[in-house]
Amino acid sequence: GLGAHQNGILEAVQPIATALGNQIFGALVDLMQCKKWVWLPSRVLTSALLLLLIVPAIGCCFETITIIMCAIAFFSFGGGVLDTYTLDLLGHARRGEYGQHRLWLAVAWGVGNAVMGLVAERNFDW
């Protein structure tokens, strides 16, 4: 496993990558006016990058883990882009329903985290 110093480095560099990615992809979405087609490939890419970590040759050393985690953080923009996309879909007349959509997003996030916690607790050995 990783040591405390290595975990600290991982935790320190991810917010920097996230901040940079949010700025770049926010500008890209504004420029292209195509929220869904910028967000969707980023989700696929981050999922694929996350799955790379289970490959023993990739998830074995600190350097590759750091690169992959920074890439995931960079491409994991979403909050502002998804909020504006939701508001665009609702339109001006239905903007009052935005809170309901955010509520169900929070419920789905909580259920997903609970399920992943159960999966991690089982400690699957590949």
Foldseek 3Di string as FASTA:
>chain_A
DDDPVLVVVLVVLLVVLLVQLQVVVVVVCVVVVCLVVLLVVLVVVLVVLVVVCVPCVQVPDSVSVSVSSSSSSNSPHDDVSVLVVVDVVCDPVRNVCSVVVVVVVVVVVVVVVVVVVVVVVVVDDD
